[in-house]
Amino acid sequence: MRHIAHYTPSRVGPGSLQISVKFAGEEVPGSPIRFVDVVENLDPQKIKLLTEGLEETVVDSEIKLIVCTAGAGEGILKVAVVNEDSHPLQVEIRARARTPEK
């Protein structure tokens, strides 16, 4: 007979979840299951790129791209810029606490 258990974690963080499976009061092989890290649900669809003014750029002038990740979850943001030969260029990412206005 097959049994299916469903559980939705309510906390995030390292070591925040362990599942114990027992049969007739005894731990089954492979139990307990320890999760190294439980993370929030990530939703890339909630990320907004604010690109106003990027249509015309000036040589030797800084280009500022604003990426708003509010509500998207606790993921790591990575931005890659490559030149016309597909060589990666250096990018500096600075975090801002507030959501930029549109």
PDB file of N, CA and C in Angstrom:
ATOM      1  N   MET A   1       0.842  -1.167   0.000  1.00  0.00           N
ATOM      2  CA  MET A   1       0.000   0.000   0.000  1.00  0.00           C
ATOM      3  C   MET A   1       0.895   1.240   0.000  1.00  0.00           C
ATOM      4  N   ARG A   2       0.503   2.259  -0.727  1.00  0.00           N
ATOM      5  CA  ARG A   2       1.267   3.500  -0.817  1.00  0.00           C
ATOM      6  C   ARG A   2       0.519   4.598  -0.072  1.00  0.00           C
ATOM      7  N   HIS A   3       1.253   5.382   0.705  1.00  0.00           N
ATOM      8  CA  HIS A   3       0.694   6.510   1.436  1.00  0.00           C
ATOM      9  C   HIS A   3       1.403   7.783   0.978  1.00  0.00           C
ATOM     10  N   ILE A   4       0.669   8.847   0.856  1.00  0.00           N
ATOM     11  CA  ILE A   4       1.245  10.126   0.457  1.00  0.00           C
ATOM     12  C   ILE A   4       0.947  11.149   1.548  1.00  0.00           C
ATOM     13  N   ALA A   5       1.983  11.813   2.029  1.00  0.00           N
ATOM     14  CA  ALA A   5       1.824  12.855   3.042  1.00  0.00           C
ATOM     15  C   ALA A   5       2.126  14.200   2.407  1.00  0.00           C
ATOM     16  N   HIS A   6       1.348  15.206   2.747  1.00  0.00           N
ATOM     17  CA  HIS A   6       1.554  16.565   2.236  1.00  0.00           C
ATOM     18  C   HIS A   6       1.852  17.479   3.419  1.00  0.00           C
ATOM     19  N   TYR A   7       2.807  18.393   3.220  1.00  0.00           N
ATOM     20  CA  TYR A   7       3.144  19.343   4.267  1.00  0.00           C
ATOM     21  C   TYR A   7       3.641  20.620   3.610  1.00  0.00           C
ATOM     22  N   THR A   8       3.250  21.766   4.129  1.00  0.00           N
ATOM     23  CA  THR A   8       3.708  23.060   3.632  1.00  0.00           C
ATOM     24  C   THR A   8       4.518  23.738   4.730  1.00  0.00           C
ATOM     25  N   PRO A   9       5.838  23.955   4.512  1.00  0.00           N
ATOM     26  CA  PRO A   9       6.665  24.610   5.524  1.00  0.00           C
ATOM     27  C   PRO A   9       6.175  26.033   5.797  1.00  0.00           C
ATOM     28  N   SER A  10       6.239  26.438   7.062  1.00  0.00           N
ATOM     29  CA  SER A  10       5.799  27.783   7.435  1.00  0.00           C
ATOM     30  C   SER A  10       6.964  28.689   7.817  1.00  0.00           C
ATOM     31  N   ARG A  11       8.169  28.151   7.857  1.00  0.00           N
ATOM     32  CA  ARG A  11       9.368  28.932   8.183  1.00  0.00           C
ATOM     33  C   ARG A  11      10.413  28.720   7.115  1.00  0.00           C
ATOM     34  N   VAL A  12      11.323  29.685   6.990  1.00  0.00           N
ATOM     35  CA  VAL A  12      12.447  29.539   6.075  1.00  0.00           C
ATOM     36  C   VAL A  12      13.736  29.627   6.866  1.00  0.00           C
ATOM     37  N   GLY A  13      14.811  29.131   6.278  1.00  0.00           N
ATOM     38  CA  GLY A  13      16.120  29.241   6.914  1.00  0.00           C
ATOM     39  C   GLY A  13      16.820  27.906   7.012  1.00  0.00           C
ATOM     40  N   PRO A  14      18.118  27.942   7.303  1.00  0.00           N
ATOM     41  CA  PRO A  14      18.905  26.723   7.429  1.00  0.00           C
ATOM     42  C   PRO A  14      18.412  25.858   8.585  1.00  0.00           C
ATOM     43  N   GLY A  15      18.277  24.588   8.324  1.00  0.00           N
ATOM     44  CA  GLY A  15      17.914  23.637   9.367  1.00  0.00           C
ATOM     45  C   GLY A  15      16.520  23.820   9.941  1.00  0.00           C
ATOM     46  N   SER A  16      15.636  24.498   9.218  1.00  0.00           N
ATOM     47  CA  SER A  16      14.317  24.786   9.774  1.00  0.00           C
ATOM     48  C   SER A  16      13.312  23.661   9.565  1.00  0.00           C
ATOM     49  N   LEU A  17      13.727  22.554   8.955  1.00  0.00           N
ATOM     50  CA  LEU A  17      12.771  21.483   8.714  1.00  0.00           C
ATOM     51  C   LEU A  17      13.437  20.107   8.806  1.00  0.00           C
ATOM     52  N   GLN A  18      12.776  19.211   9.515  1.00  0.00           N
ATOM     53  CA  GLN A  18      13.185  17.817   9.606  1.00  0.00           C
ATOM     54  C   GLN A  18      11.908  16.991   9.587  1.00  0.00           C
ATOM     55  N   ILE A  19      11.897  15.946   8.782  1.00  0.00           N
ATOM     56  CA  ILE A  19      10.722  15.085   8.687  1.00  0.00           C
ATOM     57  C   ILE A  19      11.103  13.694   9.175  1.00  0.00           C
ATOM     58  N   SER A  20      10.321  13.184  10.107  1.00  0.00           N
ATOM     59  CA  SER A  20      10.537  11.856  10.662  1.00  0.00           C
ATOM     60  C   SER A  20       9.417  10.939  10.169  1.00  0.00           C
ATOM     61  N   VAL A  21       9.798   9.764   9.676  1.00  0.00           N
ATOM     62  CA  VAL A  21       8.815   8.798   9.196  1.00  0.00           C
ATOM     63  C   VAL A  21       8.957   7.524  10.022  1.00  0.00           C
ATOM     64  N   LYS A  22       7.864   7.118  10.641  1.00  0.00           N
ATOM     65  CA  LYS A  22       7.880   5.926  11.485  1.00  0.00           C
ATOM     66  C   LYS A  22       6.798   4.947  11.032  1.00  0.00           C
ATOM     67  N   PHE A  23       7.081   3.662  11.260  1.00  0.00           N
ATOM     68  CA  PHE A  23       6.102   2.612  11.011  1.00  0.00           C
ATOM     69  C   PHE A  23       6.105   1.705  12.237  1.00  0.00           C
ATOM     70  N   ALA A  24       4.934   1.514  12.805  1.00  0.00           N
ATOM     71  CA  ALA A  24       4.782   0.720  14.032  1.00  0.00           C
ATOM     72  C   ALA A  24       5.679   1.254  15.139  1.00  0.00           C
ATOM     73  N   GLY A  25       5.829   2.591  15.184  1.00  0.00           N
ATOM     74  CA  GLY A  25       6.618   3.221  16.237  1.00  0.00           C
ATOM     75  C   GLY A  25       8.111   3.237  15.992  1.00  0.00           C
ATOM     76  N   GLU A  26       8.589   2.669  14.892  1.00  0.00           N
ATOM     77  CA  GLU A  26      10.019   2.603  14.583  1.00  0.00           C
ATOM     78  C   GLU A  26      10.347   3.479  13.378  1.00  0.00           C
ATOM     79  N   GLU A  27      11.513   4.161  13.474  1.00  0.00           N
ATOM     80  CA  GLU A  27      11.971   4.951  12.328  1.00  0.00           C
ATOM     81  C   GLU A  27      12.196   4.032  11.132  1.00  0.00           C
ATOM     82  N   VAL A  28      11.750   4.460   9.951  1.00  0.00           N
ATOM     83  CA  VAL A  28      11.999   3.687   8.738  1.00  0.00           C
ATOM     84  C   VAL A  28      13.370   4.074   8.185  1.00  0.00           C
ATOM     85  N   PRO A  29      14.000   3.204   7.362  1.00  0.00           N
ATOM     86  CA  PRO A  29      15.303   3.539   6.785  1.00  0.00           C
ATOM     87  C   PRO A  29      15.234   4.858   6.007  1.00  0.00           C
ATOM     88  N   GLY A  30      16.234   5.719   6.221  1.00  0.00           N
ATOM     89  CA  GLY A  30      16.277   7.013   5.546  1.00  0.00           C
ATOM     90  C   GLY A  30      15.612   8.130   6.347  1.00  0.00           C
ATOM     91  N   SER A  31      14.973   7.783   7.457  1.00  0.00           N
ATOM     92  CA  SER A  31      14.323   8.770   8.308  1.00  0.00           C
ATOM     93  C   SER A  31      15.191   9.002   9.532  1.00  0.00           C
ATOM     94  N   PRO A  32      15.277  10.186  10.052  1.00  0.00           N
ATOM     95  CA  PRO A  32      14.590  11.405   9.622  1.00  0.00           C
ATOM     96  C   PRO A  32      15.264  12.044   8.412  1.00  0.00           C
ATOM     97  N   ILE A  33      14.495  12.828   7.683  1.00  0.00           N
ATOM     98  CA  ILE A  33      14.992  13.573   6.529  1.00  0.00           C
ATOM     99  C   ILE A  33      15.257  14.990   7.002  1.00  0.00           C
ATOM    100  N   ARG A  34      16.480  15.442   6.863  1.00  0.00           N
ATOM    101  CA  ARG A  34      16.839  16.803   7.279  1.00  0.00           C
ATOM    102  C   ARG A  34      17.039  17.661   6.037  1.00  0.00           C
ATOM    103  N   PHE A  35      16.348  18.772   5.987  1.00  0.00           N
ATOM    104  CA  PHE A  35      16.493  19.692   4.875  1.00  0.00           C
ATOM    105  C   PHE A  35      17.572  20.709   5.236  1.00  0.00           C
ATOM    106  N   VAL A  36      18.548  20.862   4.369  1.00  0.00           N
ATOM    107  CA  VAL A  36      19.658  21.766   4.624  1.00  0.00           C
ATOM    108  C   VAL A  36      19.152  23.204   4.701  1.00  0.00           C
ATOM    109  N   ASP A  37      18.264  23.585   3.800  1.00  0.00           N
ATOM    110  CA  ASP A  37      17.764  24.953   3.762  1.00  0.00           C
ATOM    111  C   ASP A  37      16.359  24.943   3.178  1.00  0.00           C
ATOM    112  N   VAL A  38      15.468  25.672   3.792  1.00  0.00           N
ATOM    113  CA  VAL A  38      14.124  25.867   3.264  1.00  0.00           C
ATOM    114  C   VAL A  38      14.046  27.321   2.849  1.00  0.00           C
ATOM    115  N   VAL A  39      13.753  27.564   1.587  1.00  0.00           N
ATOM    116  CA  VAL A  39      13.716  28.931   1.070  1.00  0.00           C
ATOM    117  C   VAL A  39      12.297  29.338   0.715  1.00  0.00           C
ATOM    118  N   GLU A  40      12.098  30.641   0.611  1.00  0.00           N
ATOM    119  CA  GLU A  40      10.797  31.144   0.215  1.00  0.00           C
ATOM    120  C   GLU A  40      10.530  30.812  -1.241  1.00  0.00           C
ATOM    121  N   ASN A  41       9.263  30.808  -1.566  1.00  0.00           N
ATOM    122  CA  ASN A  41       8.853  30.655  -2.948  1.00  0.00           C
ATOM    123  C   ASN A  41       9.381  31.841  -3.746  1.00  0.00           C
ATOM    124  N   LEU A  42      10.066  31.598  -4.835  1.00  0.00           N
ATOM    125  CA  LEU A  42      10.589  32.672  -5.661  1.00  0.00           C
ATOM    126  C   LEU A  42       9.687  32.867  -6.868  1.00  0.00           C
ATOM    127  N   ASP A  43       9.426  34.106  -7.230  1.00  0.00           N
ATOM    128  CA  ASP A  43       8.552  34.412  -8.357  1.00  0.00           C
ATOM    129  C   ASP A  43       9.212  35.453  -9.253  1.00  0.00           C
ATOM    130  N   PRO A  44      10.009  35.008 -10.246  1.00  0.00           N
ATOM    131  CA  PRO A  44      10.689  35.946 -11.153  1.00  0.00           C
ATOM    132  C   PRO A  44       9.715  36.840 -11.927  1.00  0.00           C
ATOM    133  N   GLN A  45       8.447  36.431 -12.046  1.00  0.00           N
ATOM    134  CA  GLN A  45       7.465  37.246 -12.762  1.00  0.00           C
ATOM    135  C   GLN A  45       7.200  38.571 -12.051  1.00  0.00           C
ATOM    136  N   LYS A  46       7.535  38.667 -10.766  1.00  0.00           N
ATOM    137  CA  LYS A  46       7.301  39.897 -10.003  1.00  0.00           C
ATOM    138  C   LYS A  46       8.459  40.893 -10.119  1.00  0.00           C
ATOM    139  N   ILE A  47       9.534  40.508 -10.788  1.00  0.00           N
ATOM    140  CA  ILE A  47      10.680  41.406 -10.956  1.00  0.00           C
ATOM    141  C   ILE A  47      10.374  42.410 -12.066  1.00  0.00           C
ATOM    142  N   LYS A  48      10.691  43.682 -11.775  1.00  0.00           N
ATOM    143  CA  LYS A  48      10.439  44.751 -12.746  1.00  0.00           C
ATOM    144  C   LYS A  48      11.748  45.416 -13.126  1.00  0.00           C
ATOM    145  N   LEU A  49      11.945  45.619 -14.415  1.00  0.00           N
ATOM    146  CA  LEU A  49      13.105  46.349 -14.916  1.00  0.00           C
ATOM    147  C   LEU A  49      12.654  47.755 -15.273  1.00  0.00           C
ATOM    148  N   LEU A  50      13.282  48.738 -14.662  1.00  0.00           N
ATOM    149  CA  LEU A  50      12.977  50.129 -14.967  1.00  0.00           C
ATOM    150  C   LEU A  50      14.070  50.624 -15.909  1.00  0.00           C
ATOM    151  N   THR A  51      13.732  50.745 -17.178  1.00  0.00           N
ATOM    152  CA  THR A  51      14.734  51.005 -18.215  1.00  0.00           C
ATOM    153  C   THR A  51      14.591  52.372 -18.869  1.00  0.00           C
ATOM    154  N   GLU A  52      13.788  53.255 -18.304  1.00  0.00           N
ATOM    155  CA  GLU A  52      13.587  54.572 -18.905  1.00  0.00           C
ATOM    156  C   GLU A  52      14.923  55.283 -19.075  1.00  0.00           C
ATOM    157  N   GLY A  53      15.171  55.787 -20.275  1.00  0.00           N
ATOM    158  CA  GLY A  53      16.401  56.515 -20.548  1.00  0.00           C
ATOM    159  C   GLY A  53      17.525  55.653 -21.093  1.00  0.00           C
ATOM    160  N   LEU A  54      17.332  54.338 -21.182  1.00  0.00           N
ATOM    161  CA  LEU A  54      18.401  53.466 -21.687  1.00  0.00           C
ATOM    162  C   LEU A  54      18.422  53.390 -23.214  1.00  0.00           C
ATOM    163  N   GLU A  55      17.424  53.982 -23.867  1.00  0.00           N
ATOM    164  CA  GLU A  55      17.367  53.918 -25.329  1.00  0.00           C
ATOM    165  C   GLU A  55      18.562  54.633 -25.964  1.00  0.00           C
ATOM    166  N   GLU A  56      18.987  55.744 -25.348  1.00  0.00           N
ATOM    167  CA  GLU A  56      20.125  56.518 -25.844  1.00  0.00           C
ATOM    168  C   GLU A  56      21.197  56.545 -24.761  1.00  0.00           C
ATOM    169  N   THR A  57      22.339  55.958 -25.052  1.00  0.00           N
ATOM    170  CA  THR A  57      23.440  55.957 -24.091  1.00  0.00           C
ATOM    171  C   THR A  57      24.599  56.773 -24.639  1.00  0.00           C
ATOM    172  N   VAL A  58      25.447  57.263 -23.749  1.00  0.00           N
ATOM    173  CA  VAL A  58      26.585  58.101 -24.119  1.00  0.00           C
ATOM    174  C   VAL A  58      27.863  57.376 -23.724  1.00  0.00           C
ATOM    175  N   VAL A  59      28.839  57.345 -24.634  1.00  0.00           N
ATOM    176  CA  VAL A  59      30.120  56.703 -24.369  1.00  0.00           C
ATOM    177  C   VAL A  59      30.763  57.329 -23.132  1.00  0.00           C
ATOM    178  N   ASP A  60      31.362  56.483 -22.297  1.00  0.00           N
ATOM    179  CA  ASP A  60      32.043  56.896 -21.071  1.00  0.00           C
ATOM    180  C   ASP A  60      31.108  57.488 -20.017  1.00  0.00           C
ATOM    181  N   SER A  61      29.815  57.238 -20.125  1.00  0.00           N
ATOM    182  CA  SER A  61      28.844  57.663 -19.116  1.00  0.00           C
ATOM    183  C   SER A  61      28.214  56.425 -18.499  1.00  0.00           C
ATOM    184  N   GLU A  62      28.020  56.486 -17.195  1.00  0.00           N
ATOM    185  CA  GLU A  62      27.431  55.351 -16.474  1.00  0.00           C
ATOM    186  C   GLU A  62      26.001  55.092 -16.927  1.00  0.00           C
ATOM    187  N   ILE A  63      25.678  53.825 -17.081  1.00  0.00           N
ATOM    188  CA  ILE A  63      24.311  53.410 -17.398  1.00  0.00           C
ATOM    189  C   ILE A  63      23.721  52.838 -16.123  1.00  0.00           C
ATOM    190  N   LYS A  64      22.547  53.307 -15.754  1.00  0.00           N
ATOM    191  CA  LYS A  64      21.901  52.839 -14.531  1.00  0.00           C
ATOM    192  C   LYS A  64      20.635  52.065 -14.897  1.00  0.00           C
ATOM    193  N   LEU A  65      20.612  50.807 -14.519  1.00  0.00           N
ATOM    194  CA  LEU A  65      19.459  49.938 -14.730  1.00  0.00           C
ATOM    195  C   LEU A  65      18.900  49.619 -13.353  1.00  0.00           C
ATOM    196  N   ILE A  66      17.622  49.874 -13.133  1.00  0.00           N
ATOM    197  CA  ILE A  66      17.009  49.595 -11.839  1.00  0.00           C
ATOM    198  C   ILE A  66      16.202  48.301 -11.956  1.00  0.00           C
ATOM    199  N   VAL A  67      16.524  47.342 -11.073  1.00  0.00           N
ATOM    200  CA  VAL A  67      15.827  46.060 -11.027  1.00  0.00           C
ATOM    201  C   VAL A  67      15.085  46.004  -9.702  1.00  0.00           C
ATOM    202  N   CYS A  68      13.762  45.997  -9.759  1.00  0.00           N
ATOM    203  CA  CYS A  68      12.943  45.965  -8.553  1.00  0.00           C
ATOM    204  C   CYS A  68      12.533  44.519  -8.281  1.00  0.00           C
ATOM    205  N   THR A  69      13.005  43.973  -7.155  1.00  0.00           N
ATOM    206  CA  THR A  69      12.731  42.573  -6.818  1.00  0.00           C
ATOM    207  C   THR A  69      11.697  42.424  -5.703  1.00  0.00           C
ATOM    208  N   ALA A  70      11.030  43.516  -5.321  1.00  0.00           N
ATOM    209  CA  ALA A  70      10.048  43.474  -4.229  1.00  0.00           C
ATOM    210  C   ALA A  70       8.969  42.436  -4.511  1.00  0.00           C
ATOM    211  N   GLY A  71       8.727  41.561  -3.557  1.00  0.00           N
ATOM    212  CA  GLY A  71       7.689  40.546  -3.680  1.00  0.00           C
ATOM    213  C   GLY A  71       8.100  39.311  -4.458  1.00  0.00           C
ATOM    214  N   ALA A  72       9.345  39.270  -4.962  1.00  0.00           N
ATOM    215  CA  ALA A  72       9.793  38.136  -5.767  1.00  0.00           C
ATOM    216  C   ALA A  72      10.411  37.024  -4.926  1.00  0.00           C
ATOM    217  N   GLY A  73      10.652  37.271  -3.639  1.00  0.00           N
ATOM    218  CA  GLY A  73      11.271  36.273  -2.777  1.00  0.00           C
ATOM    219  C   GLY A  73      12.721  36.618  -2.486  1.00  0.00           C
ATOM    220  N   GLU A  74      13.366  35.763  -1.694  1.00  0.00           N
ATOM    221  CA  GLU A  74      14.734  36.010  -1.245  1.00  0.00           C
ATOM    222  C   GLU A  74      15.750  35.293  -2.118  1.00  0.00           C
ATOM    223  N   GLY A  75      15.839  35.673  -3.379  1.00  0.00           N
ATOM    224  CA  GLY A  75      16.817  35.073  -4.272  1.00  0.00           C
ATOM    225  C   GLY A  75      18.042  35.957  -4.404  1.00  0.00           C
ATOM    226  N   ILE A  76      19.040  35.490  -5.128  1.00  0.00           N
ATOM    227  CA  ILE A  76      20.255  36.255  -5.377  1.00  0.00           C
ATOM    228  C   ILE A  76      20.155  36.848  -6.774  1.00  0.00           C
ATOM    229  N   LEU A  77      20.264  38.169  -6.859  1.00  0.00           N
ATOM    230  CA  LEU A  77      20.183  38.856  -8.141  1.00  0.00           C
ATOM    231  C   LEU A  77      21.550  38.830  -8.813  1.00  0.00           C
ATOM    232  N   LYS A  78      21.570  38.438 -10.082  1.00  0.00           N
ATOM    233  CA  LYS A  78      22.788  38.477 -10.881  1.00  0.00           C
ATOM    234  C   LYS A  78      22.473  39.244 -12.154  1.00  0.00           C
ATOM    235  N   VAL A  79      23.372  40.135 -12.537  1.00  0.00           N
ATOM    236  CA  VAL A  79      23.231  40.913 -13.763  1.00  0.00           C
ATOM    237  C   VAL A  79      24.497  40.695 -14.581  1.00  0.00           C
ATOM    238  N   ALA A  80      24.327  40.367 -15.847  1.00  0.00           N
ATOM    239  CA  ALA A  80      25.470  40.160 -16.728  1.00  0.00           C
ATOM    240  C   ALA A  80      25.403  41.164 -17.878  1.00  0.00           C
ATOM    241  N   VAL A  81      26.534  41.800 -18.166  1.00  0.00           N
ATOM    242  CA  VAL A  81      26.645  42.698 -19.306  1.00  0.00           C
ATOM    243  C   VAL A  81      27.777  42.163 -20.167  1.00  0.00           C
ATOM    244  N   VAL A  82      27.512  42.019 -21.457  1.00  0.00           N
ATOM    245  CA  VAL A  82      28.543  41.542 -22.383  1.00  0.00           C
ATOM    246  C   VAL A  82      28.697  42.551 -23.510  1.00  0.00           C
ATOM    247  N   ASN A  83      29.902  42.612 -24.073  1.00  0.00           N
ATOM    248  CA  ASN A  83      30.122  43.526 -25.204  1.00  0.00           C
ATOM    249  C   ASN A  83      29.740  42.829 -26.507  1.00  0.00           C
ATOM    250  N   GLU A  84      29.998  43.528 -27.628  1.00  0.00           N
ATOM    251  CA  GLU A  84      29.592  42.985 -28.936  1.00  0.00           C
ATOM    252  C   GLU A  84      30.302  41.680 -29.290  1.00  0.00           C
ATOM    253  N   ASP A  85      31.432  41.374 -28.615  1.00  0.00           N
ATOM    254  CA  ASP A  85      32.161  40.118 -28.837  1.00  0.00           C
ATOM    255  C   ASP A  85      31.792  39.055 -27.805  1.00  0.00           C
ATOM    256  N   SER A  86      30.739  39.302 -27.046  1.00  0.00           N
ATOM    257  CA  SER A  86      30.243  38.394 -26.004  1.00  0.00           C
ATOM    258  C   SER A  86      31.204  38.229 -24.835  1.00  0.00           C
ATOM    259  N   HIS A  87      32.089  39.193 -24.619  1.00  0.00           N
ATOM    260  CA  HIS A  87      32.979  39.169 -23.459  1.00  0.00           C
ATOM    261  C   HIS A  87      32.272  39.854 -22.287  1.00  0.00           C
ATOM    262  N   PRO A  88      32.314  39.223 -21.100  1.00  0.00           N
ATOM    263  CA  PRO A  88      31.647  39.834 -19.943  1.00  0.00           C
ATOM    264  C   PRO A  88      32.353  41.115 -19.495  1.00  0.00           C
ATOM    265  N   LEU A  89      31.534  42.083 -19.105  1.00  0.00           N
ATOM    266  CA  LEU A  89      32.040  43.348 -18.597  1.00  0.00           C
ATOM    267  C   LEU A  89      31.728  43.442 -17.108  1.00  0.00           C
ATOM    268  N   GLN A  90      32.497  44.243 -16.391  1.00  0.00           N
ATOM    269  CA  GLN A  90      32.313  44.382 -14.947  1.00  0.00           C
ATOM    270  C   GLN A  90      31.018  45.135 -14.654  1.00  0.00           C
ATOM    271  N   VAL A  91      30.249  44.619 -13.691  1.00  0.00           N
ATOM    272  CA  VAL A  91      28.988  45.226 -13.281  1.00  0.00           C
ATOM    273  C   VAL A  91      28.996  45.356 -11.764  1.00  0.00           C
ATOM    274  N   GLU A  92      28.560  46.501 -11.268  1.00  0.00           N
ATOM    275  CA  GLU A  92      28.429  46.702  -9.826  1.00  0.00           C
ATOM    276  C   GLU A  92      26.943  46.722  -9.493  1.00  0.00           C
ATOM    277  N   ILE A  93      26.554  45.899  -8.515  1.00  0.00           N
ATOM    278  CA  ILE A  93      25.158  45.859  -8.076  1.00  0.00           C
ATOM    279  C   ILE A  93      25.099  46.442  -6.672  1.00  0.00           C
ATOM    280  N   ARG A  94      24.255  47.452  -6.498  1.00  0.00           N
ATOM    281  CA  ARG A  94      24.054  48.068  -5.186  1.00  0.00           C
ATOM    282  C   ARG A  94      22.604  47.866  -4.783  1.00  0.00           C
ATOM    283  N   ALA A  95      22.400  47.366  -3.582  1.00  0.00           N
ATOM    284  CA  ALA A  95      21.035  47.114  -3.085  1.00  0.00           C
ATOM    285  C   ALA A  95      20.451  48.397  -2.518  1.00  0.00           C
ATOM    286  N   ARG A  96      19.156  48.584  -2.785  1.00  0.00           N
ATOM    287  CA  ARG A  96      18.402  49.694  -2.201  1.00  0.00           C
ATOM    288  C   ARG A  96      17.248  49.112  -1.423  1.00  0.00           C
ATOM    289  N   ALA A  97      16.964  49.687  -0.272  1.00  0.00           N
ATOM    290  CA  ALA A  97      15.909  49.156   0.592  1.00  0.00           C
ATOM    291  C   ALA A  97      14.512  49.512   0.113  1.00  0.00           C
ATOM    292  N   ARG A  98      14.349  50.635  -0.551  1.00  0.00           N
ATOM    293  CA  ARG A  98      12.992  51.037  -0.927  1.00  0.00           C
ATOM    294  C   ARG A  98      12.724  50.726  -2.394  1.00  0.00           C
ATOM    295  N   THR A  99      11.451  50.605  -2.725  1.00  0.00           N
ATOM    296  CA  THR A  99      11.025  50.354  -4.085  1.00  0.00           C
ATOM    297  C   THR A  99      11.002  51.664  -4.854  1.00  0.00           C
ATOM    298  N   PRO A 100      11.663  51.734  -6.017  1.00  0.00           N
ATOM    299  CA  PRO A 100      11.671  52.976  -6.778  1.00  0.00           C
ATOM    300  C   PRO A 100      10.290  53.314  -7.321  1.00  0.00           C
ATOM    301  N   GLU A 101      10.003  54.595  -7.442  1.00  0.00           N
ATOM    302  CA  GLU A 101       8.733  55.054  -8.001  1.00  0.00           C
ATOM    303  C   GLU A 101       8.755  54.898  -9.512  1.00  0.00           C
ATOM    304  N   LYS A 102       7.606  54.660 -10.094  1.00  0.00           N
ATOM    305  CA  LYS A 102       7.497  54.578 -11.555  1.00  0.00           C
ATOM    306  C   LYS A 102       7.378  55.942 -12.156  1.00  0.00           C
TER     307      LYS A 102
END
